[in-house]
């Protein structure tokens, strides 16, 4: 499995893209891939290439390459699906410029368009879709920092009961909720349950169920790297707040009160994450 780092992998979109719209793709200095419909969100030095890439993809879709699960996540040659062959699923995709859009069902009751993005750690759900699906997000919902084209933002993180792409279904899927996007991203918290192959030229995604959950490599809907990343991110934020408080003098009472509140809230989130990990029987060494 590739490394799944909340601060490094989640790309966010600016707006819904109709089937004929151009979606621009760019890669930052750390290798993160971003998608946006707004060309102004692409760094100036990459706009020419992003514009050319979007135009080329629209004019010659057959030039888009096939990509598939990273080698570590694939079964040995000739045996898709791991130790035991799993059920195969095929789903047609729609093109939106150089991106691929698929209809995704959340929690068995809400269908919405999502972009396939196997570079994103988590499924990203637009806030309005989450509301329609009955996903409860409130002030106490645990959050994680995610890197976007516009900097680092805090996003609520929830566990979806189920995510379905055609006949392919995954349960207990980690997802981030965002009120900044109109169309979601279908990321690795869904795809890591499958050996997958995306053929953009043919407009087809193929998924074969793997045995990572049965073998303990996926626990509570997350990989070891995802669990470690969530715990590490929370602890790092607590450490930052604690350090800021130690540097603040008693003359700044309001700032001290704010930092105290932040620390209490983050400690509560860490307790909630630990309880969630307990319920999922996550190994303790995955939490450090």
C-alpha atoms as a PDB file:
ATOM      1  CA  UNK A   1       0.000   0.000   0.000  1.00  0.00           C
ATOM      2  CA  UNK A   2       1.209   3.543  -0.679  1.00  0.00           C
ATOM      3  CA  UNK A   3       1.671   5.926   2.229  1.00  0.00           C
ATOM      4  CA  UNK A   4      -1.578   7.633   3.181  1.00  0.00           C
ATOM      5  CA  UNK A   5      -0.798  10.990   4.782  1.00  0.00           C
ATOM      6  CA  UNK A   6      -3.709  13.345   5.578  1.00  0.00           C
ATOM      7  CA  UNK A   7      -1.473  16.423   5.166  1.00  0.00           C
ATOM      8  CA  UNK A   8      -0.073  15.288   1.853  1.00  0.00           C
ATOM      9  CA  UNK A   9      -2.657  13.491  -0.223  1.00  0.00           C
ATOM     10  CA  UNK A  10      -6.064  15.132  -0.315  1.00  0.00           C
ATOM     11  CA  UNK A  11      -6.733  17.329  -3.379  1.00  0.00           C
ATOM     12  CA  UNK A  12      -9.822  19.558  -3.275  1.00  0.00           C
ATOM     13  CA  UNK A  13     -11.956  20.878  -6.124  1.00  0.00           C
ATOM     14  CA  UNK A  14     -13.421  24.330  -6.548  1.00  0.00           C
ATOM     15  CA  UNK A  15     -16.779  23.645  -8.196  1.00  0.00           C
ATOM     16  CA  UNK A  16     -18.952  21.092  -9.954  1.00  0.00           C
ATOM     17  CA  UNK A  17     -17.790  20.231 -13.452  1.00  0.00           C
ATOM     18  CA  UNK A  18     -20.340  19.380 -16.142  1.00  0.00           C
ATOM     19  CA  UNK A  19     -19.536  16.531 -18.479  1.00  0.00           C
ATOM     20  CA  UNK A  20     -18.013  18.848 -21.098  1.00  0.00           C
ATOM     21  CA  UNK A  21     -16.159  21.153 -18.672  1.00  0.00           C
ATOM     22  CA  UNK A  22     -12.392  21.300 -18.476  1.00  0.00           C
ATOM     23  CA  UNK A  23     -10.803  20.173 -15.233  1.00  0.00           C
ATOM     24  CA  UNK A  24      -7.194  21.209 -14.808  1.00  0.00           C
ATOM     25  CA  UNK A  25      -4.657  18.946 -13.158  1.00  0.00           C
ATOM     26  CA  UNK A  26      -1.405  20.049 -11.592  1.00  0.00           C
ATOM     27  CA  UNK A  27       1.261  18.593  -9.318  1.00  0.00           C
ATOM     28  CA  UNK A  28       2.890  20.507  -6.482  1.00  0.00           C
ATOM     29  CA  UNK A  29       6.532  20.380  -5.355  1.00  0.00           C
ATOM     30  CA  UNK A  30       5.845  17.429  -3.037  1.00  0.00           C
ATOM     31  CA  UNK A  31       4.251  15.342  -5.762  1.00  0.00           C
ATOM     32  CA  UNK A  32       0.631  15.873  -4.683  1.00  0.00           C
ATOM     33  CA  UNK A  33      -1.862  15.883  -7.544  1.00  0.00           C
ATOM     34  CA  UNK A  34      -4.600  18.544  -7.528  1.00  0.00           C
ATOM     35  CA  UNK A  35      -7.717  18.996  -9.664  1.00  0.00           C
ATOM     36  CA  UNK A  36      -9.629  22.228 -10.193  1.00  0.00           C
ATOM     37  CA  UNK A  37     -12.110  23.707 -12.638  1.00  0.00           C
ATOM     38  CA  UNK A  38     -10.742  27.200 -11.912  1.00  0.00           C
ATOM     39  CA  UNK A  39      -7.526  27.788 -13.864  1.00  0.00           C
ATOM     40  CA  UNK A  40      -6.609  30.686 -11.551  1.00  0.00           C
ATOM     41  CA  UNK A  41      -6.109  28.148  -8.735  1.00  0.00           C
ATOM     42  CA  UNK A  42      -3.271  26.510 -10.671  1.00  0.00           C
ATOM     43  CA  UNK A  43       0.195  27.993  -9.925  1.00  0.00           C
ATOM     44  CA  UNK A  44       1.095  30.490 -12.616  1.00  0.00           C
ATOM     45  CA  UNK A  45       4.111  28.515 -13.800  1.00  0.00           C
ATOM     46  CA  UNK A  46       1.955  25.423 -14.417  1.00  0.00           C
ATOM     47  CA  UNK A  47      -1.097  27.000 -16.035  1.00  0.00           C
ATOM     48  CA  UNK A  48       0.143  26.563 -19.592  1.00  0.00           C
ATOM     49  CA  UNK A  49       0.766  22.855 -19.099  1.00  0.00           C
ATOM     50  CA  UNK A  50      -2.522  22.417 -17.221  1.00  0.00           C
ATOM     51  CA  UNK A  51      -4.455  24.172 -19.997  1.00  0.00           C
ATOM     52  CA  UNK A  52      -2.686  22.130 -22.671  1.00  0.00           C
ATOM     53  CA  UNK A  53      -3.294  18.897 -20.751  1.00  0.00           C
ATOM     54  CA  UNK A  54      -6.989  19.581 -20.351  1.00  0.00           C
ATOM     55  CA  UNK A  55      -7.363  20.437 -24.018  1.00  0.00           C
ATOM     56  CA  UNK A  56      -5.417  17.396 -25.177  1.00  0.00           C
ATOM     57  CA  UNK A  57      -7.449  15.079 -22.980  1.00  0.00           C
ATOM     58  CA  UNK A  58     -10.701  16.433 -24.324  1.00  0.00           C
ATOM     59  CA  UNK A  59      -9.559  16.246 -27.939  1.00  0.00           C
ATOM     60  CA  UNK A  60      -7.788  12.880 -27.767  1.00  0.00           C
ATOM     61  CA  UNK A  61      -9.032  10.781 -24.864  1.00  0.00           C
ATOM     62  CA  UNK A  62      -7.283   7.708 -26.232  1.00  0.00           C
ATOM     63  CA  UNK A  63      -3.973   9.280 -25.178  1.00  0.00           C
ATOM     64  CA  UNK A  64      -4.861   9.078 -21.478  1.00  0.00           C
ATOM     65  CA  UNK A  65      -2.947   6.188 -19.980  1.00  0.00           C
ATOM     66  CA  UNK A  66      -4.316   3.306 -17.992  1.00  0.00           C
ATOM     67  CA  UNK A  67      -3.283   3.228 -14.326  1.00  0.00           C
ATOM     68  CA  UNK A  68      -3.839   0.645 -11.626  1.00  0.00           C
ATOM     69  CA  UNK A  69      -3.206  -0.292  -8.013  1.00  0.00           C
ATOM     70  CA  UNK A  70       0.368   0.313  -6.814  1.00  0.00           C
ATOM     71  CA  UNK A  71       2.508  -2.859  -6.912  1.00  0.00           C
ATOM     72  CA  UNK A  72       2.393  -3.392  -3.139  1.00  0.00           C
ATOM     73  CA  UNK A  73      -1.390  -3.532  -3.219  1.00  0.00           C
ATOM     74  CA  UNK A  74      -1.648  -5.933  -6.140  1.00  0.00           C
ATOM     75  CA  UNK A  75      -1.926  -9.679  -6.076  1.00  0.00           C
ATOM     76  CA  UNK A  76       0.715 -11.913  -7.701  1.00  0.00           C
ATOM     77  CA  UNK A  77       0.472 -12.166 -11.470  1.00  0.00           C
ATOM     78  CA  UNK A  78      -2.540 -14.106 -12.620  1.00  0.00           C
ATOM     79  CA  UNK A  79      -4.280 -13.934  -9.223  1.00  0.00           C
ATOM     80  CA  UNK A  80      -6.265 -10.734  -8.891  1.00  0.00           C
ATOM     81  CA  UNK A  81      -7.770 -10.180  -5.490  1.00  0.00           C
ATOM     82  CA  UNK A  82      -5.020 -11.494  -3.223  1.00  0.00           C
ATOM     83  CA  UNK A  83      -4.812 -14.902  -1.605  1.00  0.00           C
ATOM     84  CA  UNK A  84      -8.255 -15.752  -2.819  1.00  0.00           C
ATOM     85  CA  UNK A  85      -9.776 -14.429  -6.033  1.00  0.00           C
ATOM     86  CA  UNK A  86     -12.491 -11.864  -5.353  1.00  0.00           C
ATOM     87  CA  UNK A  87     -15.522 -10.744  -7.257  1.00  0.00           C
ATOM     88  CA  UNK A  88     -14.810  -8.479 -10.218  1.00  0.00           C
ATOM     89  CA  UNK A  89     -16.761  -5.267 -10.877  1.00  0.00           C
ATOM     90  CA  UNK A  90     -16.710  -3.023 -13.935  1.00  0.00           C
ATOM     91  CA  UNK A  91     -18.114   0.500 -14.052  1.00  0.00           C
ATOM     92  CA  UNK A  92     -18.365   2.958 -16.916  1.00  0.00           C
ATOM     93  CA  UNK A  93     -16.973   6.438 -16.264  1.00  0.00           C
ATOM     94  CA  UNK A  94     -17.841   9.803 -17.763  1.00  0.00           C
ATOM     95  CA  UNK A  95     -15.129  12.155 -18.944  1.00  0.00           C
ATOM     96  CA  UNK A  96     -14.941  15.739 -17.649  1.00  0.00           C
ATOM     97  CA  UNK A  97     -11.953  17.197 -19.441  1.00  0.00           C
ATOM     98  CA  UNK A  98      -9.024  15.090 -18.229  1.00  0.00           C
ATOM     99  CA  UNK A  99     -10.876  13.801 -15.151  1.00  0.00           C
ATOM    100  CA  UNK A 100     -13.228  10.854 -14.680  1.00  0.00           C
ATOM    101  CA  UNK A 101     -16.617  11.100 -13.004  1.00  0.00           C
ATOM    102  CA  UNK A 102     -18.624   8.200 -11.574  1.00  0.00           C
ATOM    103  CA  UNK A 103     -21.938   7.949  -9.692  1.00  0.00           C
ATOM    104  CA  UNK A 104     -21.339   6.862  -6.083  1.00  0.00           C
ATOM    105  CA  UNK A 105     -23.928   5.707  -3.540  1.00  0.00           C
ATOM    106  CA  UNK A 106     -23.334   6.676   0.094  1.00  0.00           C
ATOM    107  CA  UNK A 107     -24.855   4.835   3.050  1.00  0.00           C
ATOM    108  CA  UNK A 108     -27.178   2.997   0.696  1.00  0.00           C
ATOM    109  CA  UNK A 109     -29.449   5.968   0.080  1.00  0.00           C
ATOM    110  CA  UNK A 110     -27.763   8.890  -1.692  1.00  0.00           C
ATOM    111  CA  UNK A 111     -26.195   8.908  -5.161  1.00  0.00           C
ATOM    112  CA  UNK A 112     -23.895  11.748  -6.212  1.00  0.00           C
ATOM    113  CA  UNK A 113     -21.128  12.330  -8.796  1.00  0.00           C
ATOM    114  CA  UNK A 114     -17.546  11.799  -7.623  1.00  0.00           C
ATOM    115  CA  UNK A 115     -14.205  12.227  -9.337  1.00  0.00           C
ATOM    116  CA  UNK A 116     -11.904   9.219  -9.265  1.00  0.00           C
ATOM    117  CA  UNK A 117      -8.739  10.299  -7.442  1.00  0.00           C
ATOM    118  CA  UNK A 118      -6.519   7.446  -6.271  1.00  0.00           C
ATOM    119  CA  UNK A 119      -3.986  10.030  -5.092  1.00  0.00           C
ATOM    120  CA  UNK A 120      -6.346  11.151  -2.319  1.00  0.00           C
ATOM    121  CA  UNK A 121      -6.118   9.397   1.035  1.00  0.00           C
ATOM    122  CA  UNK A 122      -9.790   9.666   1.840  1.00  0.00           C
ATOM    123  CA  UNK A 123     -13.157   9.833   0.182  1.00  0.00           C
ATOM    124  CA  UNK A 124     -14.116  13.518   0.132  1.00  0.00           C
ATOM    125  CA  UNK A 125     -17.837  14.237   0.470  1.00  0.00           C
ATOM    126  CA  UNK A 126     -19.348  17.655  -0.283  1.00  0.00           C
ATOM    127  CA  UNK A 127     -21.255  19.000   2.730  1.00  0.00           C
ATOM    128  CA  UNK A 128     -24.571  19.167   0.852  1.00  0.00           C
ATOM    129  CA  UNK A 129     -24.236  15.503  -0.190  1.00  0.00           C
ATOM    130  CA  UNK A 130     -23.372  14.518   3.385  1.00  0.00           C
ATOM    131  CA  UNK A 131     -26.489  16.269   4.628  1.00  0.00           C
ATOM    132  CA  UNK A 132     -28.642  14.479   2.063  1.00  0.00           C
ATOM    133  CA  UNK A 133     -27.109  11.159   3.116  1.00  0.00           C
ATOM    134  CA  UNK A 134     -27.930  11.820   6.761  1.00  0.00           C
ATOM    135  CA  UNK A 135     -24.295  12.160   7.823  1.00  0.00           C
ATOM    136  CA  UNK A 136     -24.225  14.080  11.098  1.00  0.00           C
ATOM    137  CA  UNK A 137     -21.444  16.662  11.287  1.00  0.00           C
ATOM    138  CA  UNK A 138     -21.384  19.045  14.226  1.00  0.00           C
ATOM    139  CA  UNK A 139     -19.007  21.211  16.252  1.00  0.00           C
ATOM    140  CA  UNK A 140     -17.778  18.136  18.118  1.00  0.00           C
ATOM    141  CA  UNK A 141     -16.958  16.097  15.021  1.00  0.00           C
ATOM    142  CA  UNK A 142     -13.323  15.104  14.857  1.00  0.00           C
ATOM    143  CA  UNK A 143     -11.260  16.997  12.278  1.00  0.00           C
ATOM    144  CA  UNK A 144      -8.004  16.535  10.393  1.00  0.00           C
ATOM    145  CA  UNK A 145      -5.821  19.065   8.560  1.00  0.00           C
ATOM    146  CA  UNK A 146      -5.661  18.550   4.802  1.00  0.00           C
ATOM    147  CA  UNK A 147      -3.442  20.237   2.263  1.00  0.00           C
ATOM    148  CA  UNK A 148      -5.406  21.862  -0.569  1.00  0.00           C
ATOM    149  CA  UNK A 149      -4.555  24.083  -3.498  1.00  0.00           C
ATOM    150  CA  UNK A 150      -5.303  27.031  -1.182  1.00  0.00           C
ATOM    151  CA  UNK A 151      -3.333  25.880   1.852  1.00  0.00           C
ATOM    152  CA  UNK A 152      -4.060  23.718   4.892  1.00  0.00           C
ATOM    153  CA  UNK A 153      -7.697  23.486   6.026  1.00  0.00           C
ATOM    154  CA  UNK A 154      -9.438  21.598   8.815  1.00  0.00           C
ATOM    155  CA  UNK A 155     -12.064  19.115   7.614  1.00  0.00           C
ATOM    156  CA  UNK A 156     -14.461  16.957   9.657  1.00  0.00           C
ATOM    157  CA  UNK A 157     -13.674  13.247   9.399  1.00  0.00           C
ATOM    158  CA  UNK A 158     -16.392  10.593   9.655  1.00  0.00           C
ATOM    159  CA  UNK A 159     -16.824   6.893   8.951  1.00  0.00           C
ATOM    160  CA  UNK A 160     -19.392   6.108   6.261  1.00  0.00           C
ATOM    161  CA  UNK A 161     -21.506   2.978   6.670  1.00  0.00           C
ATOM    162  CA  UNK A 162     -20.978   2.097   3.021  1.00  0.00           C
ATOM    163  CA  UNK A 163     -19.713   3.417  -0.313  1.00  0.00           C
ATOM    164  CA  UNK A 164     -20.853   1.780  -3.552  1.00  0.00           C
ATOM    165  CA  UNK A 165     -19.467   2.181  -7.055  1.00  0.00           C
ATOM    166  CA  UNK A 166     -21.663   0.127  -9.338  1.00  0.00           C
ATOM    167  CA  UNK A 167     -21.761  -3.338  -7.779  1.00  0.00           C
ATOM    168  CA  UNK A 168     -18.536  -2.747  -5.805  1.00  0.00           C
ATOM    169  CA  UNK A 169     -19.255  -2.042  -2.140  1.00  0.00           C
ATOM    170  CA  UNK A 170     -17.003  -1.104   0.783  1.00  0.00           C
ATOM    171  CA  UNK A 171     -18.168  -0.714   4.374  1.00  0.00           C
ATOM    172  CA  UNK A 172     -16.814   1.468   7.177  1.00  0.00           C
ATOM    173  CA  UNK A 173     -15.101   3.938   4.867  1.00  0.00           C
ATOM    174  CA  UNK A 174     -13.191   6.909   6.284  1.00  0.00           C
ATOM    175  CA  UNK A 175     -14.282  10.178   4.668  1.00  0.00           C
ATOM    176  CA  UNK A 176     -13.689  13.892   4.999  1.00  0.00           C
ATOM    177  CA  UNK A 177     -16.570  16.368   4.692  1.00  0.00           C
ATOM    178  CA  UNK A 178     -16.068  19.713   2.969  1.00  0.00           C
ATOM    179  CA  UNK A 179     -18.303  22.723   2.418  1.00  0.00           C
ATOM    180  CA  UNK A 180     -15.784  24.070  -0.109  1.00  0.00           C
ATOM    181  CA  UNK A 181     -16.567  21.636  -2.922  1.00  0.00           C
ATOM    182  CA  UNK A 182     -19.559  20.705  -5.047  1.00  0.00           C
ATOM    183  CA  UNK A 183     -18.301  17.400  -6.352  1.00  0.00           C
ATOM    184  CA  UNK A 184     -16.655  14.672  -4.278  1.00  0.00           C
ATOM    185  CA  UNK A 185     -13.440  12.694  -4.626  1.00  0.00           C
ATOM    186  CA  UNK A 186     -13.375   8.902  -4.531  1.00  0.00           C
ATOM    187  CA  UNK A 187     -10.046   8.194  -2.858  1.00  0.00           C
ATOM    188  CA  UNK A 188      -8.016   5.373  -1.375  1.00  0.00           C
ATOM    189  CA  UNK A 189     -10.171   4.811   1.702  1.00  0.00           C
ATOM    190  CA  UNK A 190     -12.537   3.220  -0.844  1.00  0.00           C
ATOM    191  CA  UNK A 191     -10.071   1.896  -3.426  1.00  0.00           C
ATOM    192  CA  UNK A 192      -7.757   0.198  -0.943  1.00  0.00           C
ATOM    193  CA  UNK A 193     -10.366  -2.580  -0.602  1.00  0.00           C
ATOM    194  CA  UNK A 194      -9.814  -3.547  -4.244  1.00  0.00           C
ATOM    195  CA  UNK A 195      -7.246  -4.349  -6.867  1.00  0.00           C
ATOM    196  CA  UNK A 196      -8.205  -1.641  -9.317  1.00  0.00           C
ATOM    197  CA  UNK A 197      -7.477  -0.646 -12.873  1.00  0.00           C
ATOM    198  CA  UNK A 198      -8.701   2.589 -14.426  1.00  0.00           C
ATOM    199  CA  UNK A 199      -8.669   2.756 -18.210  1.00  0.00           C
ATOM    200  CA  UNK A 200      -9.505   6.366 -19.015  1.00  0.00           C
ATOM    201  CA  UNK A 201      -9.218   5.791 -22.743  1.00  0.00           C
ATOM    202  CA  UNK A 202     -11.869   3.055 -22.646  1.00  0.00           C
ATOM    203  CA  UNK A 203     -13.913   4.891 -19.997  1.00  0.00           C
ATOM    204  CA  UNK A 204     -13.875   1.880 -17.706  1.00  0.00           C
ATOM    205  CA  UNK A 205     -12.839   1.166 -14.120  1.00  0.00           C
ATOM    206  CA  UNK A 206     -12.342  -2.441 -13.032  1.00  0.00           C
ATOM    207  CA  UNK A 207     -12.247  -3.449  -9.379  1.00  0.00           C
ATOM    208  CA  UNK A 208     -11.521  -6.874  -7.920  1.00  0.00           C
ATOM    209  CA  UNK A 209     -12.143  -7.445  -4.225  1.00  0.00           C
ATOM    210  CA  UNK A 210      -8.924  -8.060  -2.322  1.00  0.00           C
ATOM    211  CA  UNK A 211      -8.291  -9.739   1.003  1.00  0.00           C
ATOM    212  CA  UNK A 212      -6.612  -6.859   2.855  1.00  0.00           C
ATOM    213  CA  UNK A 213      -9.406  -6.641   5.428  1.00  0.00           C
ATOM    214  CA  UNK A 214      -9.408 -10.411   5.979  1.00  0.00           C
ATOM    215  CA  UNK A 215      -5.632 -10.429   6.377  1.00  0.00           C
ATOM    216  CA  UNK A 216      -5.695  -7.530   8.870  1.00  0.00           C
ATOM    217  CA  UNK A 217      -4.023  -4.957   6.614  1.00  0.00           C
ATOM    218  CA  UNK A 218      -7.242  -2.932   6.620  1.00  0.00           C
ATOM    219  CA  UNK A 219      -8.807  -2.503  10.083  1.00  0.00           C
ATOM    220  CA  UNK A 220     -11.885  -0.421  10.789  1.00  0.00           C
ATOM    221  CA  UNK A 221     -11.868   0.754   7.197  1.00  0.00           C
ATOM    222  CA  UNK A 222      -8.317   2.162   7.343  1.00  0.00           C
ATOM    223  CA  UNK A 223      -4.815   0.992   6.580  1.00  0.00           C
ATOM    224  CA  UNK A 224      -2.039   1.083   9.151  1.00  0.00           C
ATOM    225  CA  UNK A 225      -0.666   4.238   7.521  1.00  0.00           C
ATOM    226  CA  UNK A 226      -4.034   5.991   7.790  1.00  0.00           C
ATOM    227  CA  UNK A 227      -4.447   5.138  11.466  1.00  0.00           C
ATOM    228  CA  UNK A 228      -0.890   6.243  12.210  1.00  0.00           C
ATOM    229  CA  UNK A 229      -1.428   9.434  10.224  1.00  0.00           C
ATOM    230  CA  UNK A 230      -4.581  10.374  12.123  1.00  0.00           C
ATOM    231  CA  UNK A 231      -3.016   9.779  15.541  1.00  0.00           C
ATOM    232  CA  UNK A 232       0.179  11.576  14.593  1.00  0.00           C
ATOM    233  CA  UNK A 233      -1.682  14.572  13.199  1.00  0.00           C
ATOM    234  CA  UNK A 234      -3.746  14.996  16.368  1.00  0.00           C
ATOM    235  CA  UNK A 235      -0.747  14.630  18.658  1.00  0.00           C
ATOM    236  CA  UNK A 236       1.229  17.128  16.591  1.00  0.00           C
ATOM    237  CA  UNK A 237      -1.580  19.677  16.868  1.00  0.00           C
ATOM    238  CA  UNK A 238      -1.802  19.168  20.625  1.00  0.00           C
ATOM    239  CA  UNK A 239       1.958  19.663  20.893  1.00  0.00           C
ATOM    240  CA  UNK A 240       1.737  22.888  18.873  1.00  0.00           C
ATOM    241  CA  UNK A 241      -1.000  24.289  21.108  1.00  0.00           C
ATOM    242  CA  UNK A 242       0.871  23.271  24.265  1.00  0.00           C
ATOM    243  CA  UNK A 243       4.032  24.946  22.999  1.00  0.00           C
ATOM    244  CA  UNK A 244       2.123  28.102  22.081  1.00  0.00           C
ATOM    245  CA  UNK A 245       0.587  28.207  25.538  1.00  0.00           C
ATOM    246  CA  UNK A 246       3.990  27.865  27.206  1.00  0.00           C
ATOM    247  CA  UNK A 247       5.197  30.899  25.257  1.00  0.00           C
ATOM    248  CA  UNK A 248       2.199  33.027  26.200  1.00  0.00           C
ATOM    249  CA  UNK A 249       2.474  35.215  29.300  1.00  0.00           C
ATOM    250  CA  UNK A 250      -0.268  35.752  31.871  1.00  0.00           C
ATOM    251  CA  UNK A 251      -0.740  39.261  30.486  1.00  0.00           C
ATOM    252  CA  UNK A 252      -2.479  37.723  27.460  1.00  0.00           C
ATOM    253  CA  UNK A 253      -5.450  36.207  29.258  1.00  0.00           C
ATOM    254  CA  UNK A 254      -7.730  35.954  26.241  1.00  0.00           C
ATOM    255  CA  UNK A 255      -5.110  34.134  24.204  1.00  0.00           C
ATOM    256  CA  UNK A 256      -4.462  31.755  27.083  1.00  0.00           C
ATOM    257  CA  UNK A 257      -8.176  31.004  27.374  1.00  0.00           C
ATOM    258  CA  UNK A 258      -8.394  30.340  23.633  1.00  0.00           C
ATOM    259  CA  UNK A 259      -5.386  28.034  23.710  1.00  0.00           C
ATOM    260  CA  UNK A 260      -6.791  26.198  26.732  1.00  0.00           C
ATOM    261  CA  UNK A 261     -10.040  25.643  24.835  1.00  0.00           C
ATOM    262  CA  UNK A 262      -8.196  24.380  21.763  1.00  0.00           C
ATOM    263  CA  UNK A 263      -6.133  21.977  23.840  1.00  0.00           C
ATOM    264  CA  UNK A 264      -9.201  20.554  25.594  1.00  0.00           C
ATOM    265  CA  UNK A 265     -11.004  20.112  22.258  1.00  0.00           C
ATOM    266  CA  UNK A 266      -8.024  18.358  20.677  1.00  0.00           C
ATOM    267  CA  UNK A 267      -7.567  16.065  23.675  1.00  0.00           C
ATOM    268  CA  UNK A 268     -11.227  15.133  23.367  1.00  0.00           C
ATOM    269  CA  UNK A 269     -10.761  14.350  19.688  1.00  0.00           C
ATOM    270  CA  UNK A 270      -7.788  12.136  20.553  1.00  0.00           C
ATOM    271  CA  UNK A 271      -9.906  10.265  23.106  1.00  0.00           C
ATOM    272  CA  UNK A 272     -12.650   9.804  20.485  1.00  0.00           C
ATOM    273  CA  UNK A 273     -10.147   8.492  17.948  1.00  0.00           C
ATOM    274  CA  UNK A 274      -8.700   6.102  20.519  1.00  0.00           C
ATOM    275  CA  UNK A 275     -12.202   4.847  21.378  1.00  0.00           C
ATOM    276  CA  UNK A 276     -12.941   4.360  17.676  1.00  0.00           C
ATOM    277  CA  UNK A 277      -9.706   2.410  17.317  1.00  0.00           C
ATOM    278  CA  UNK A 278     -10.606   0.269  20.341  1.00  0.00           C
ATOM    279  CA  UNK A 279     -13.976  -0.547  18.826  1.00  0.00           C
ATOM    280  CA  UNK A 280     -12.317  -1.568  15.554  1.00  0.00           C
ATOM    281  CA  UNK A 281      -9.623  -3.623  17.354  1.00  0.00           C
ATOM    282  CA  UNK A 282      -6.835  -1.522  15.873  1.00  0.00           C
ATOM    283  CA  UNK A 283      -3.412  -2.751  17.067  1.00  0.00           C
ATOM    284  CA  UNK A 284      -1.866  -0.398  19.626  1.00  0.00           C
ATOM    285  CA  UNK A 285       1.360  -0.088  17.657  1.00  0.00           C
ATOM    286  CA  UNK A 286      -0.670   1.453  14.799  1.00  0.00           C
ATOM    287  CA  UNK A 287      -1.548   4.353  17.077  1.00  0.00           C
ATOM    288  CA  UNK A 288       2.002   5.627  17.574  1.00  0.00           C
END
